[in-house]
């Protein structure tokens, strides 16, 4: 039996309505003006100290109780994805080409529900900082909030995040100490040779042949130069070259992504890519220019905070309902920027189960055009946030 706070359970329909309103009005990274206003207005209506425009469109709420100077942050993301929604329920996206296909509408709603309860009860000693972050989907909204002075303005000692997880049944949590998600870097490689007639390749320097060799060689980073126990993904996702059947072009271009679970492997992979590019350039008499762009760092949970989250979740769903030490995902999450600055933990909350009324988008994985957040887990997420804050900032600790 799930241990849901009764007062939170009584707010289920109202919270579902908020979630569906956000879902119907999705906004992309750093353009979450309506969503941010909805969040800030609700926080202010609850009497919560509210700060707007942090990291462009981020919102921060501050709830204090007692005299303790201890403080923690609870974070939710607000942005949507550039996807045309395929659902036809009443709360489907009204903004063409934009969709809440990752559940950020649910994440925002769960933290708003926790804000409402915590502001009313204040059953803790210290400060709870509610972080409504913009631009998680590839644009680094977490980093933008930090660059805007988040930790100086709100000196918390730990940070916590939560994401719904399709494939995990509703009523379950997943908690992993250490690496939880991967880094996400991008690369562009331009291979320049000398164009020629396709019937006379010896008169030119073929960049396509060199680039195909480069694609194959990059796969040796995972297969032959990285410890098999260290995860790394080097994926070439684009190959562009030429415009005619009978012309060898001057240049070819590769694009792709690199995923790792540690800073050391990340650095070694970048160095290996440069080494391979240099070698192919010499072997084929071409010029190879690697433009490697650092993206999100790995999301790494600290052990003590992960254990705390496990205990809080177990109190709500039972020990058997918490999956501990799950294999990390090679997806990425910009909550990693917060975890680089403070200890903390990012957890999964199961999203699969009986769908709410008119929510036929259940069973889809994240970033799918038919995805929909499961409203039935909102009250569990709210309860988790509340109990985590109360336990971390317990008066007798």
Protein backbone atom coordinates (compact mmCIF):
# COMPACT_ATOMS: atom_id res chain seq x y z
CA UNK A 1 0.00 0.00 0.00
CA UNK A 2 1.45 3.33 -1.05
CA UNK A 3 1.99 5.77 1.81
CA UNK A 4 0.55 8.91 0.22
CA UNK A 5 -0.01 11.98 2.39
CA UNK A 6 -3.84 12.23 2.70
CA UNK A 7 -3.92 15.99 2.13
CA UNK A 8 -1.86 15.50 -1.03
CA UNK A 9 -4.11 12.70 -2.24
CA UNK A 10 -7.09 15.04 -1.83
CA UNK A 11 -5.41 17.44 -4.29
CA UNK A 12 -5.01 14.80 -7.02
CA UNK A 13 -7.61 16.19 -9.41
CA UNK A 14 -6.40 19.78 -8.99
CA UNK A 15 -2.79 18.76 -9.59
CA UNK A 16 -3.78 16.75 -12.65
CA UNK A 17 -5.51 19.83 -14.04
CA UNK A 18 -2.35 21.88 -13.59
CA UNK A 19 -0.26 19.21 -15.29
CA UNK A 20 -2.61 19.00 -18.25
CA UNK A 21 -2.71 22.77 -18.62
CA UNK A 22 1.10 22.83 -18.80
CA UNK A 23 1.04 19.91 -21.24
CA UNK A 24 -1.37 21.78 -23.52
CA UNK A 25 0.91 24.84 -23.64
CA UNK A 26 4.46 23.50 -24.16
CA UNK A 27 7.36 25.91 -24.52
CA UNK A 28 10.90 25.27 -25.72
CA UNK A 29 14.18 26.00 -23.98
CA UNK A 30 14.52 29.52 -22.57
CA UNK A 31 11.08 30.36 -23.95
CA UNK A 32 9.10 29.01 -20.98
CA UNK A 33 7.48 32.38 -20.25
CA UNK A 34 3.92 31.14 -19.71
CA UNK A 35 5.06 28.14 -17.68
CA UNK A 36 7.42 30.23 -15.55
CA UNK A 37 4.68 32.77 -14.90
CA UNK A 38 2.25 30.01 -13.92
CA UNK A 39 4.82 28.61 -11.48
CA UNK A 40 5.83 31.98 -10.01
CA UNK A 41 2.25 33.17 -9.64
CA UNK A 42 1.28 30.01 -7.76
CA UNK A 43 4.30 30.23 -5.47
CA UNK A 44 3.53 33.85 -4.65
CA UNK A 45 -0.12 33.01 -4.03
CA UNK A 46 1.08 30.50 -1.42
CA UNK A 47 3.12 33.20 0.31
CA UNK A 48 6.41 31.68 -0.82
CA UNK A 49 9.39 33.96 -1.45
CA UNK A 50 9.71 33.85 -5.23
CA UNK A 51 12.54 34.78 -7.58
CA UNK A 52 11.91 35.05 -11.33
CA UNK A 53 14.25 35.21 -14.30
CA UNK A 54 17.14 33.16 -12.92
CA UNK A 55 18.99 31.58 -15.82
CA UNK A 56 16.74 33.60 -18.17
CA UNK A 57 13.39 31.92 -17.48
CA UNK A 58 14.07 29.94 -14.30
CA UNK A 59 12.02 30.36 -11.14
CA UNK A 60 13.15 29.73 -7.55
CA UNK A 61 10.92 29.51 -4.49
CA UNK A 62 12.23 29.65 -0.93
CA UNK A 63 10.42 28.19 2.09
CA UNK A 64 11.94 28.72 5.54
CA UNK A 65 11.04 27.18 8.87
CA UNK A 66 12.67 27.45 12.29
CA UNK A 67 16.09 28.94 12.92
CA UNK A 68 18.40 26.41 11.28
CA UNK A 69 20.71 27.68 8.53
CA UNK A 70 20.69 24.31 6.77
CA UNK A 71 19.20 24.27 3.26
CA UNK A 72 18.52 21.87 0.39
CA UNK A 73 17.32 22.28 -3.19
CA UNK A 74 14.60 20.29 -4.96
CA UNK A 75 14.67 20.70 -8.73
CA UNK A 76 12.15 20.21 -11.56
CA UNK A 77 12.52 21.04 -15.26
CA UNK A 78 9.95 23.02 -17.29
CA UNK A 79 10.80 22.93 -21.00
CA UNK A 80 9.26 20.88 -23.81
CA UNK A 81 10.64 19.34 -27.00
CA UNK A 82 10.42 20.35 -30.69
CA UNK A 83 8.08 17.45 -31.52
CA UNK A 84 4.67 17.49 -33.21
CA UNK A 85 2.35 15.67 -30.81
CA UNK A 86 0.41 12.68 -32.21
CA UNK A 87 -2.07 12.30 -29.34
CA UNK A 88 -5.68 13.43 -29.70
CA UNK A 89 -6.81 13.75 -26.07
CA UNK A 90 -8.23 17.03 -24.82
CA UNK A 91 -4.99 18.26 -23.23
CA UNK A 92 -2.82 17.65 -26.31
CA UNK A 93 -0.38 20.39 -27.32
CA UNK A 94 -1.92 23.55 -28.72
CA UNK A 95 1.48 24.78 -29.91
CA UNK A 96 2.44 23.32 -33.27
CA UNK A 97 5.78 21.55 -33.32
CA UNK A 98 6.15 21.62 -29.54
CA UNK A 99 5.30 18.90 -27.07
CA UNK A 100 5.88 17.76 -23.51
CA UNK A 101 7.28 14.40 -24.58
CA UNK A 102 9.59 13.92 -21.60
CA UNK A 103 7.28 14.56 -18.65
CA UNK A 104 8.58 17.93 -17.57
CA UNK A 105 4.96 19.01 -17.20
CA UNK A 106 4.59 16.32 -14.55
CA UNK A 107 7.87 17.18 -12.87
CA UNK A 108 6.86 20.84 -12.56
CA UNK A 109 3.46 19.86 -11.18
CA UNK A 110 4.89 17.49 -8.57
CA UNK A 111 7.22 20.18 -7.24
CA UNK A 112 4.37 22.71 -7.18
CA UNK A 113 2.33 20.22 -5.16
CA UNK A 114 5.22 19.80 -2.73
CA UNK A 115 5.58 23.59 -2.47
CA UNK A 116 1.92 23.90 -1.54
CA UNK A 117 2.15 21.31 1.25
CA UNK A 118 5.52 22.43 2.62
CA UNK A 119 4.46 26.08 2.71
CA UNK A 120 1.40 25.17 4.75
CA UNK A 121 2.95 22.69 7.20
CA UNK A 122 6.64 23.75 7.47
CA UNK A 123 7.42 20.56 9.36
CA UNK A 124 11.18 20.99 9.05
CA UNK A 125 14.05 23.10 10.39
CA UNK A 126 15.89 25.07 7.73
CA UNK A 127 15.26 26.13 4.15
CA UNK A 128 13.80 24.30 1.16
CA UNK A 129 14.75 25.87 -2.16
CA UNK A 130 12.39 24.95 -5.01
CA UNK A 131 14.15 25.08 -8.37
CA UNK A 132 12.04 25.28 -11.53
CA UNK A 133 14.69 25.04 -14.22
CA UNK A 134 14.42 26.04 -17.88
CA UNK A 135 16.09 24.50 -20.91
CA UNK A 136 17.00 21.00 -19.79
CA UNK A 137 16.61 19.58 -23.30
CA UNK A 138 20.10 20.15 -24.64
CA UNK A 139 20.42 23.87 -23.91
CA UNK A 140 21.99 23.76 -20.44
CA UNK A 141 19.46 25.62 -18.36
CA UNK A 142 21.03 24.22 -15.20
CA UNK A 143 24.37 25.73 -16.12
CA UNK A 144 22.63 29.03 -16.94
CA UNK A 145 21.07 29.17 -13.46
CA UNK A 146 24.44 28.44 -11.85
CA UNK A 147 26.16 31.11 -13.97
CA UNK A 148 23.42 33.49 -12.85
CA UNK A 149 24.57 33.04 -9.26
CA UNK A 150 22.22 30.32 -8.05
CA UNK A 151 24.53 28.87 -5.39
CA UNK A 152 25.63 32.30 -4.19
CA UNK A 153 22.04 33.49 -3.82
CA UNK A 154 20.73 30.19 -2.43
CA UNK A 155 23.58 28.48 -0.53
CA UNK A 156 22.14 24.97 -0.26
CA UNK A 157 24.18 22.05 1.01
CA UNK A 158 22.61 19.35 -1.18
CA UNK A 159 20.55 19.08 -4.38
CA UNK A 160 17.92 16.55 -5.42
CA UNK A 161 16.18 15.76 -8.71
CA UNK A 162 13.60 13.29 -10.02
CA UNK A 163 12.53 12.08 -13.47
CA UNK A 164 9.70 9.82 -14.56
CA UNK A 165 10.88 6.58 -16.13
CA UNK A 166 8.77 4.68 -18.68
CA UNK A 167 9.41 0.95 -18.45
CA UNK A 168 9.38 1.12 -14.65
CA UNK A 169 5.96 0.39 -13.11
CA UNK A 170 4.10 3.17 -11.33
CA UNK A 171 4.60 2.86 -7.59
CA UNK A 172 8.31 2.11 -7.87
CA UNK A 173 11.49 4.17 -7.63
CA UNK A 174 14.99 3.67 -9.01
CA UNK A 175 18.02 4.94 -7.09
CA UNK A 176 21.64 4.50 -8.15
CA UNK A 177 24.73 5.61 -6.22
CA UNK A 178 27.51 6.90 -8.44
CA UNK A 179 26.99 7.46 -12.17
CA UNK A 180 23.29 7.70 -13.00
CA UNK A 181 23.45 9.15 -16.52
CA UNK A 182 26.16 9.84 -19.06
CA UNK A 183 27.89 12.92 -20.39
CA UNK A 184 26.67 14.15 -23.79
CA UNK A 185 29.27 15.71 -26.07
CA UNK A 186 29.01 16.49 -29.78
CA UNK A 187 31.56 16.50 -32.55
CA UNK A 188 31.91 17.74 -36.11
CA UNK A 189 34.74 16.45 -38.29
CA UNK A 190 35.60 17.95 -41.67
CA UNK A 191 37.85 15.92 -43.95
CA UNK A 192 39.29 17.96 -46.81
CA UNK A 193 41.00 16.45 -49.85
CA UNK A 194 41.04 17.55 -53.48
CA UNK A 195 38.12 17.09 -55.81
CA UNK A 196 38.39 15.25 -59.12
CA UNK A 197 36.40 13.49 -61.84
CA UNK A 198 35.02 10.24 -60.46
CA UNK A 199 36.44 8.40 -63.49
CA UNK A 200 39.95 9.68 -62.68
CA UNK A 201 40.27 9.45 -58.87
CA UNK A 202 44.08 9.36 -59.06
CA UNK A 203 44.04 13.03 -60.03
CA UNK A 204 42.50 14.04 -56.72
CA UNK A 205 42.61 13.14 -53.03
CA UNK A 206 39.36 11.41 -52.14
CA UNK A 207 37.93 12.64 -48.82
CA UNK A 208 35.12 10.07 -48.88
CA UNK A 209 37.47 7.09 -48.72
CA UNK A 210 39.39 8.76 -45.90
CA UNK A 211 36.18 9.57 -44.04
CA UNK A 212 34.86 6.01 -44.27
CA UNK A 213 38.13 4.84 -42.75
CA UNK A 214 37.65 7.43 -40.01
CA UNK A 215 34.15 6.14 -39.19
CA UNK A 216 35.50 2.64 -38.73
CA UNK A 217 38.53 3.76 -36.74
CA UNK A 218 36.41 5.73 -34.28
CA UNK A 219 34.69 2.51 -33.25
CA UNK A 220 37.99 1.14 -31.96
CA UNK A 221 37.83 3.64 -29.10
CA UNK A 222 35.11 1.62 -27.40
CA UNK A 223 36.21 -1.75 -28.77
CA UNK A 224 39.96 -1.62 -28.30
CA UNK A 225 41.26 1.40 -26.37
CA UNK A 226 38.81 1.69 -23.45
CA UNK A 227 38.63 -0.68 -20.48
CA UNK A 228 35.64 -2.99 -21.13
CA UNK A 229 34.35 -2.11 -17.66
CA UNK A 230 34.21 1.61 -18.56
CA UNK A 231 31.19 2.67 -20.60
CA UNK A 232 31.74 4.80 -23.69
CA UNK A 233 29.65 5.39 -26.80
CA UNK A 234 31.02 7.09 -29.92
CA UNK A 235 28.21 7.34 -32.46
CA UNK A 236 28.58 8.87 -35.91
CA UNK A 237 25.09 10.07 -36.77
CA UNK A 238 25.66 12.16 -39.91
CA UNK A 239 27.83 11.75 -43.04
CA UNK A 240 27.67 14.50 -45.66
CA UNK A 241 29.65 14.52 -48.91
CA UNK A 242 29.21 15.33 -52.56
CA UNK A 243 26.38 16.48 -54.83
CA UNK A 244 26.91 14.58 -58.11
CA UNK A 245 27.30 11.00 -59.34
CA UNK A 246 30.51 11.64 -61.24
CA UNK A 247 32.35 14.08 -58.99
CA UNK A 248 34.70 13.32 -56.12
CA UNK A 249 34.07 16.25 -53.74
CA UNK A 250 36.65 18.41 -52.05
CA UNK A 251 35.43 17.61 -48.54
CA UNK A 252 33.25 15.37 -46.38
CA UNK A 253 31.77 15.97 -42.94
CA UNK A 254 30.90 13.73 -40.01
CA UNK A 255 28.78 14.60 -36.98
CA UNK A 256 27.96 12.60 -33.89
CA UNK A 257 27.86 12.22 -30.14
CA UNK A 258 30.09 10.86 -27.37
CA UNK A 259 28.71 9.44 -24.11
CA UNK A 260 30.77 8.46 -21.05
CA UNK A 261 30.19 7.94 -17.32
CA UNK A 262 33.35 9.53 -15.91
CA UNK A 263 35.50 12.58 -16.45
CA UNK A 264 38.58 10.42 -17.01
CA UNK A 265 37.02 8.33 -19.77
CA UNK A 266 35.55 11.47 -21.29
CA UNK A 267 38.98 13.11 -21.52
CA UNK A 268 40.63 9.92 -22.82
CA UNK A 269 37.96 9.53 -25.52
CA UNK A 270 38.45 13.07 -26.73
CA UNK A 271 42.22 12.54 -26.92
CA UNK A 272 41.73 9.24 -28.77
CA UNK A 273 39.48 10.91 -31.34
CA UNK A 274 42.10 13.56 -32.02
CA UNK A 275 44.79 10.91 -32.36
CA UNK A 276 42.71 8.94 -34.85
CA UNK A 277 41.91 12.06 -36.86
CA UNK A 278 45.59 12.93 -37.03
CA UNK A 279 46.46 9.40 -38.15
CA UNK A 280 43.85 9.27 -40.90
CA UNK A 281 45.05 12.67 -42.13
CA UNK A 282 48.60 11.35 -42.53
CA UNK A 283 47.58 8.01 -44.03
CA UNK A 284 45.31 9.55 -46.69
CA UNK A 285 47.06 12.89 -47.30
CA UNK A 286 43.94 14.81 -46.27
CA UNK A 287 43.26 17.52 -43.72
CA UNK A 288 41.08 16.43 -40.80
CA UNK A 289 39.62 19.09 -38.50
CA UNK A 290 37.93 17.88 -35.31
CA UNK A 291 35.57 20.29 -33.55
CA UNK A 292 34.72 18.64 -30.21
CA UNK A 293 32.01 20.37 -28.18
CA UNK A 294 31.65 19.59 -24.48
CA UNK A 295 28.02 19.06 -23.50
CA UNK A 296 26.42 17.88 -20.27
CA UNK A 297 28.81 16.19 -17.81
CA UNK A 298 27.96 12.79 -16.30
CA UNK A 299 25.21 12.80 -13.67
CA UNK A 300 26.89 11.32 -10.58
CA UNK A 301 24.94 10.72 -7.36
CA UNK A 302 26.75 10.84 -4.03
CA UNK A 303 26.42 7.76 -1.84
CA UNK A 304 25.02 9.26 1.36
CA UNK A 305 22.34 11.22 -0.49
CA UNK A 306 21.44 8.20 -2.64
CA UNK A 307 21.02 6.10 0.49
CA UNK A 308 18.77 8.78 1.98
CA UNK A 309 16.60 8.85 -1.14
CA UNK A 310 16.39 5.06 -1.05
CA UNK A 311 15.16 5.15 2.54
CA UNK A 312 12.59 7.86 1.86
CA UNK A 313 11.25 6.03 -1.19
CA UNK A 314 11.12 2.73 0.72
CA UNK A 315 8.99 4.37 3.38
CA UNK A 316 6.48 5.23 0.66
CA UNK A 317 6.43 2.12 -1.53
CA UNK A 318 8.18 -0.53 0.56
CA UNK A 319 11.76 -1.76 0.25
CA UNK A 320 10.78 -4.07 -2.61
CA UNK A 321 9.45 -1.08 -4.52
CA UNK A 322 12.85 0.60 -4.72
CA UNK A 323 15.28 -0.63 -7.37
CA UNK A 324 18.77 0.01 -6.02
CA UNK A 325 21.98 0.37 -8.02
CA UNK A 326 20.34 0.24 -11.43
CA UNK A 327 22.64 0.24 -14.47
CA UNK A 328 23.15 3.87 -15.51
CA UNK A 329 21.50 5.28 -18.61
CA UNK A 330 23.69 6.54 -21.46
CA UNK A 331 21.23 9.37 -21.89
CA UNK A 332 22.18 12.71 -20.36
CA UNK A 333 20.69 15.21 -17.93
CA UNK A 334 21.80 18.71 -17.08
CA UNK A 335 21.04 18.22 -13.39
CA UNK A 336 24.65 17.04 -13.62
CA UNK A 337 25.76 20.67 -13.40
CA UNK A 338 24.13 20.99 -9.96
CA UNK A 339 25.73 17.72 -8.82
CA UNK A 340 29.16 19.05 -9.84
CA UNK A 341 28.70 21.80 -7.24
CA UNK A 342 26.95 19.99 -4.38
CA UNK A 343 26.29 16.45 -3.15
CA UNK A 344 22.90 15.09 -4.10
CA UNK A 345 20.87 12.46 -5.88
CA UNK A 346 18.75 12.11 -9.00
CA UNK A 347 16.14 9.33 -8.96
CA UNK A 348 13.67 7.63 -11.28
CA UNK A 349 9.96 7.42 -10.48
CA UNK A 350 8.07 4.71 -12.37
CA UNK A 351 5.66 6.00 -15.01
CA UNK A 352 4.05 2.83 -16.38
CA UNK A 353 0.68 1.71 -15.12
CA UNK A 354 -3.01 2.37 -15.39
CA UNK A 355 -3.42 5.61 -17.29
CA UNK A 356 -5.57 8.45 -16.11
CA UNK A 357 -8.78 9.36 -17.91
CA UNK A 358 -8.12 10.29 -21.56
CA UNK A 359 -4.37 9.72 -21.17
CA UNK A 360 -3.83 7.19 -23.94
CA UNK A 361 -0.18 8.20 -24.30
CA UNK A 362 0.94 5.65 -21.70
CA UNK A 363 3.44 2.95 -22.62
CA UNK A 364 5.54 5.24 -24.82
CA UNK A 365 9.17 5.88 -24.12
CA UNK A 366 10.49 9.39 -23.59
CA UNK A 367 10.70 11.73 -26.60
CA UNK A 368 7.96 9.80 -28.43
CA UNK A 369 5.24 11.80 -30.22
CA UNK A 370 2.53 9.78 -28.40
CA UNK A 371 4.03 10.00 -24.90
CA UNK A 372 2.00 11.35 -21.98
CA UNK A 373 2.83 11.67 -18.30
CA UNK A 374 0.90 9.36 -15.97
CA UNK A 375 -1.20 11.62 -13.72
CA UNK A 376 -1.66 8.77 -11.24
CA UNK A 377 1.93 9.13 -10.03
CA UNK A 378 1.74 12.87 -9.30
CA UNK A 379 0.66 12.46 -5.66
CA UNK A 380 3.40 9.89 -5.08
CA UNK A 381 5.99 12.30 -6.47
CA UNK A 382 4.65 15.12 -4.31
CA UNK A 383 4.78 12.91 -1.22
CA UNK A 384 8.35 11.85 -2.02
CA UNK A 385 9.49 15.49 -2.26
CA UNK A 386 7.77 16.39 1.00
CA UNK A 387 9.13 13.45 2.98
CA UNK A 388 12.63 13.95 1.57
CA UNK A 389 12.67 17.60 2.64
CA UNK A 390 11.22 16.82 6.05
CA UNK A 391 13.68 14.01 6.68
CA UNK A 392 16.75 15.86 5.46
CA UNK A 393 15.86 18.94 7.53
CA UNK A 394 14.45 17.09 10.51
CA UNK A 395 14.62 19.20 13.68
CA UNK A 396 16.24 16.46 15.72
CA UNK A 397 18.94 15.59 13.19
